Amino acid sequence: MSPITLTPAAREALRTEEVVFFDWHVTGLCCADAGEFSVRPLSRAKLPRRARRLGTTDLVYAHPTAWVHLAELPVTIDCRPLWRWRRFTSDLPPDAGLRCCLGRPIYGPSSGR
């Protein structure tokens, strides 16, 4: 399992019966299908049946396609309040979904980080 870390701000921002959910959004790229990740709080009751737990904590879940790409990665999740809204973010690069679809590493020596 991947080492998923929630910052203290992210833990405090989660309400009772909420989890962090990594969703996968399909985007078209030329002739191939690509996608991107998003991170959002979600009620456990609204969690998709196919969602898979990420890491050892019971607070982070992912869409099956996102889980495949994130299962072995160390990811830190933070929450930054934006007025009265909660904005959950991760330390994944902004083009992480595209890198996954092209077979490029998200982290590491050839990742461009």
C-alpha atoms as a PDB file:
ATOM      1  CA  MET A   1       0.000   0.000   0.000  1.00  0.00           C
ATOM      2  CA  SER A   2       1.100   3.517  -0.704  1.00  0.00           C
ATOM      3  CA  PRO A   3       2.151   5.863   2.072  1.00  0.00           C
ATOM      4  CA  ILE A   4      -0.690   8.390   2.014  1.00  0.00           C
ATOM      5  CA  THR A   5      -0.206  11.307   4.387  1.00  0.00           C
ATOM      6  CA  LEU A   6      -2.903  13.721   5.476  1.00  0.00           C
ATOM      7  CA  THR A   7      -1.623  16.991   6.876  1.00  0.00           C
ATOM      8  CA  PRO A   8      -3.138  18.181  10.163  1.00  0.00           C
ATOM      9  CA  ALA A   9      -5.103  20.819   8.202  1.00  0.00           C
ATOM     10  CA  ALA A  10      -6.594  18.114   5.960  1.00  0.00           C
ATOM     11  CA  ARG A  11      -7.565  15.949   8.929  1.00  0.00           C
ATOM     12  CA  GLU A  12      -9.212  18.895  10.681  1.00  0.00           C
ATOM     13  CA  ALA A  13     -11.092  19.936   7.541  1.00  0.00           C
ATOM     14  CA  LEU A  14     -12.726  16.530   7.123  1.00  0.00           C
ATOM     15  CA  ARG A  15     -16.147  16.365   8.704  1.00  0.00           C
ATOM     16  CA  THR A  16     -17.528  13.341  10.507  1.00  0.00           C
ATOM     17  CA  GLU A  17     -18.302  10.547   8.020  1.00  0.00           C
ATOM     18  CA  GLU A  18     -16.251  12.206   5.249  1.00  0.00           C
ATOM     19  CA  VAL A  19     -13.292  10.790   3.366  1.00  0.00           C
ATOM     20  CA  VAL A  20     -10.889  12.169   0.774  1.00  0.00           C
ATOM     21  CA  PHE A  21     -11.631  10.842  -2.705  1.00  0.00           C
ATOM     22  CA  PHE A  22      -9.230  10.816  -5.678  1.00  0.00           C
ATOM     23  CA  ASP A  23     -11.441  10.966  -8.744  1.00  0.00           C
ATOM     24  CA  TRP A  24     -10.398  10.251 -12.316  1.00  0.00           C
ATOM     25  CA  HIS A  25     -11.668  12.522 -15.093  1.00  0.00           C
ATOM     26  CA  VAL A  26     -11.354  11.254 -18.649  1.00  0.00           C
ATOM     27  CA  THR A  27     -10.015  13.755 -21.139  1.00  0.00           C
ATOM     28  CA  GLY A  28      -9.404  13.187 -24.836  1.00  0.00           C
ATOM     29  CA  LEU A  29      -5.906  13.695 -26.117  1.00  0.00           C
ATOM     30  CA  CYS A  30      -5.498  13.303 -29.867  1.00  0.00           C
ATOM     31  CA  CYS A  31      -6.128   9.617 -30.593  1.00  0.00           C
ATOM     32  CA  ALA A  32      -5.587   8.308 -27.070  1.00  0.00           C
ATOM     33  CA  ASP A  33      -7.665   8.571 -23.935  1.00  0.00           C
ATOM     34  CA  ALA A  34      -6.051  10.386 -21.061  1.00  0.00           C
ATOM     35  CA  GLY A  35      -7.253  11.595 -17.720  1.00  0.00           C
ATOM     36  CA  GLU A  36      -6.544  13.726 -14.715  1.00  0.00           C
ATOM     37  CA  PHE A  37      -6.888  13.379 -10.956  1.00  0.00           C
ATOM     38  CA  SER A  38      -8.970  15.524  -8.662  1.00  0.00           C
ATOM     39  CA  VAL A  39      -9.114  15.430  -4.868  1.00  0.00           C
ATOM     40  CA  ARG A  40     -12.299  16.202  -2.964  1.00  0.00           C
ATOM     41  CA  PRO A  41     -14.067  15.426   0.281  1.00  0.00           C
ATOM     42  CA  LEU A  42     -16.930  12.988  -0.056  1.00  0.00           C
ATOM     43  CA  SER A  43     -19.440  11.526   2.363  1.00  0.00           C
ATOM     44  CA  ARG A  44     -18.903   7.822   3.040  1.00  0.00           C
ATOM     45  CA  ALA A  45     -22.544   7.280   2.039  1.00  0.00           C
ATOM     46  CA  LYS A  46     -21.852   8.767  -1.421  1.00  0.00           C
ATOM     47  CA  LEU A  47     -18.614   6.880  -1.988  1.00  0.00           C
ATOM     48  CA  PRO A  48     -18.867   4.907  -5.260  1.00  0.00           C
ATOM     49  CA  ARG A  49     -19.134   1.153  -4.751  1.00  0.00           C
ATOM     50  CA  ARG A  50     -16.041   0.574  -6.878  1.00  0.00           C
ATOM     51  CA  ALA A  51     -13.893   3.013  -4.866  1.00  0.00           C
ATOM     52  CA  ARG A  52     -10.750   1.440  -3.471  1.00  0.00           C
ATOM     53  CA  ARG A  53      -8.950   2.403  -0.293  1.00  0.00           C
ATOM     54  CA  LEU A  54      -5.545   4.056  -0.702  1.00  0.00           C
ATOM     55  CA  GLY A  55      -2.900   3.487   1.922  1.00  0.00           C
ATOM     56  CA  THR A  56      -3.428   2.149   5.382  1.00  0.00           C
ATOM     57  CA  THR A  57      -5.742   4.891   6.594  1.00  0.00           C
ATOM     58  CA  ASP A  58      -9.497   4.532   6.260  1.00  0.00           C
ATOM     59  CA  LEU A  59      -9.782   8.181   5.192  1.00  0.00           C
ATOM     60  CA  VAL A  60      -8.538   8.100   1.571  1.00  0.00           C
ATOM     61  CA  TYR A  61     -10.203   6.343  -1.361  1.00  0.00           C
ATOM     62  CA  ALA A  62      -9.724   6.440  -5.123  1.00  0.00           C
ATOM     63  CA  HIS A  63     -11.590   5.749  -8.331  1.00  0.00           C
ATOM     64  CA  PRO A  64     -10.370   2.369  -9.687  1.00  0.00           C
ATOM     65  CA  THR A  65      -8.472   3.991 -12.592  1.00  0.00           C
ATOM     66  CA  ALA A  66      -6.837   6.529 -10.282  1.00  0.00           C
ATOM     67  CA  TRP A  67      -6.026   3.776  -7.764  1.00  0.00           C
ATOM     68  CA  VAL A  68      -4.010   1.861 -10.366  1.00  0.00           C
ATOM     69  CA  HIS A  69      -1.728   4.869 -10.821  1.00  0.00           C
ATOM     70  CA  LEU A  70      -1.545   5.931  -7.161  1.00  0.00           C
ATOM     71  CA  ALA A  71      -1.337   2.582  -5.356  1.00  0.00           C
ATOM     72  CA  GLU A  72       2.450   2.645  -4.906  1.00  0.00           C
ATOM     73  CA  LEU A  73       3.078   6.403  -4.737  1.00  0.00           C
ATOM     74  CA  PRO A  74       3.779   8.502  -1.651  1.00  0.00           C
ATOM     75  CA  VAL A  75       1.162  11.257  -1.710  1.00  0.00           C
ATOM     76  CA  THR A  76       0.551  14.080   0.748  1.00  0.00           C
ATOM     77  CA  ILE A  77      -2.928  15.602   0.958  1.00  0.00           C
ATOM     78  CA  ASP A  78      -3.486  19.093   2.317  1.00  0.00           C
ATOM     79  CA  CYS A  79      -6.497  21.370   2.715  1.00  0.00           C
ATOM     80  CA  ARG A  80      -6.438  25.076   2.115  1.00  0.00           C
ATOM     81  CA  PRO A  81      -9.555  27.007   3.037  1.00  0.00           C
ATOM     82  CA  LEU A  82     -10.749  29.384   0.348  1.00  0.00           C
ATOM     83  CA  TRP A  83     -13.240  31.710   2.020  1.00  0.00           C
ATOM     84  CA  ARG A  84     -15.908  29.303   3.272  1.00  0.00           C
ATOM     85  CA  TRP A  85     -14.938  26.446   0.937  1.00  0.00           C
ATOM     86  CA  ARG A  86     -12.444  23.694   1.611  1.00  0.00           C
ATOM     87  CA  ARG A  87      -9.929  23.042  -1.163  1.00  0.00           C
ATOM     88  CA  PHE A  88      -8.149  19.715  -0.870  1.00  0.00           C
ATOM     89  CA  THR A  89      -4.883  19.430  -2.775  1.00  0.00           C
ATOM     90  CA  SER A  90      -2.173  16.837  -3.239  1.00  0.00           C
ATOM     91  CA  ASP A  91       1.530  17.093  -3.931  1.00  0.00           C
ATOM     92  CA  LEU A  92       1.110  15.333  -7.289  1.00  0.00           C
ATOM     93  CA  PRO A  93       2.433  17.294 -10.268  1.00  0.00           C
ATOM     94  CA  PRO A  94      -0.277  19.141 -12.236  1.00  0.00           C
ATOM     95  CA  ASP A  95       0.232  16.830 -15.223  1.00  0.00           C
ATOM     96  CA  ALA A  96       0.253  13.582 -13.214  1.00  0.00           C
ATOM     97  CA  GLY A  97      -2.669  12.046 -15.116  1.00  0.00           C
ATOM     98  CA  LEU A  98      -1.066  12.717 -18.477  1.00  0.00           C
ATOM     99  CA  ARG A  99       2.224  11.248 -17.280  1.00  0.00           C
ATOM    100  CA  CYS A 100       0.408   8.091 -16.139  1.00  0.00           C
ATOM    101  CA  CYS A 101      -1.318   7.668 -19.489  1.00  0.00           C
ATOM    102  CA  LEU A 102       1.954   8.108 -21.367  1.00  0.00           C
ATOM    103  CA  GLY A 103       3.823   5.648 -19.156  1.00  0.00           C
ATOM    104  CA  ARG A 104       6.049   8.347 -17.639  1.00  0.00           C
ATOM    105  CA  PRO A 105       6.914   8.268 -13.927  1.00  0.00           C
ATOM    106  CA  ILE A 106       5.176  10.788 -11.706  1.00  0.00           C
ATOM    107  CA  TYR A 107       8.126  10.966  -9.304  1.00  0.00           C
ATOM    108  CA  GLY A 108      11.739  10.015  -9.701  1.00  0.00           C
ATOM    109  CA  PRO A 109      14.858  10.967 -11.666  1.00  0.00           C
ATOM    110  CA  SER A 110      13.133  11.145 -15.063  1.00  0.00           C
ATOM    111  CA  SER A 111       9.962  12.833 -13.859  1.00  0.00           C
ATOM    112  CA  GLY A 112      11.195  16.376 -14.345  1.00  0.00           C
ATOM    113  CA  ARG A 113      10.790  17.294 -10.671  1.00  0.00           C
END
